[in-house]
Amino acid sequence: MSETSTVSRVGMVGLGAMGRPIAQFIAKGGFDTVAYDLSPDAEAEGVRIVRTLAEVAESDVVVVIVPTDDDVTEVVAGPDGLIAHGHEGLIVVISASVRPETCRDLAEAGAAKGVHVIDAALTGGVRGAENGEINLLVGGDQEVADRAGPVFRSFATNYHVLGSVGSGQVAKSANNLIHWAQIVAIDEALRMAQSLGVEPATLRRALQEGPTDSRTLREIEFMRFTWYVKDIEIAHELAAGVGQTLPVAALSRELMDSITVASVKELLDV
């Protein structure tokens, strides 16, 4: 029996900047792939577009990538959602960036119907999705995650099960804190060097050969500085719940307001 034989049909809810390329990689991976999106013009190569969540819920695994906690809750547990129409053993994967408690609440709702809900947070951004180089941070039962593993490997370089449901979102917040702090530090350091007569692009190439090298340093001008407000607000909420403060995150949030893709490209002359 082949690794993919236990999962033959995969559903996708949300064909946005991340969902569309991921759905296409899933289809190229040999899975019968269906997708639902609110836009009547949504399409993806190799993917069959359906008009109801009930049709998506006939899948073995469904990946959900929609914008907000409310959207995820409606898709998964709404009166016409995936749990309502899902069969026993269906795996629903929350890959939207949402709060851990949202995932835990939905997992509890799904369990009452025999539907497995896990979270698999996406790291790597739009470029990672387009290149099939997403790194997945998963929260949920290891056995359930491994059943979905062949699907994950069709669009991601790897997946890591980090604990119970919601752990993937906690890990994503940790990832985001490092990501935004790195952007602020890189921008600040290169501008200081420029003011002291060292050309930023040349310095960046030199730094890539030392201990400060990172994907952010290498690819900063290709990144989208879109979600830092939401990301850092969620991190503050999580930290506050355990009595922790995030001073570096607070400073990153403030300083990111002045950093744009255009300003970084101008700095690096690209």
Foldseek 3Di string as FASTA:
>chain_A
DDLCVLFAEEEEEDCPLQRQLLQQLLLVLRHQYEYEYPDPPDDHPNYHYDHAQLVRQVGQEYEYADEELVVVCCQQPNCRHNLVNHAANREYEYAYQYAQVSQVVSQVVNVVRNYHYKYWYWPDPSVLSNVLATETEIADDPVSVSSCVSSNNSRHVYYDHDYHGSRRNVVVLVVLLVLLLLLLVLVVVLVVVVVVPDQSLVVLVVCCVDPPNDPCSVCVLVDALPCLVVSLVSVQVVQVVVPHHDVSSVVSVVVSVPDGSVVVCVSNVD
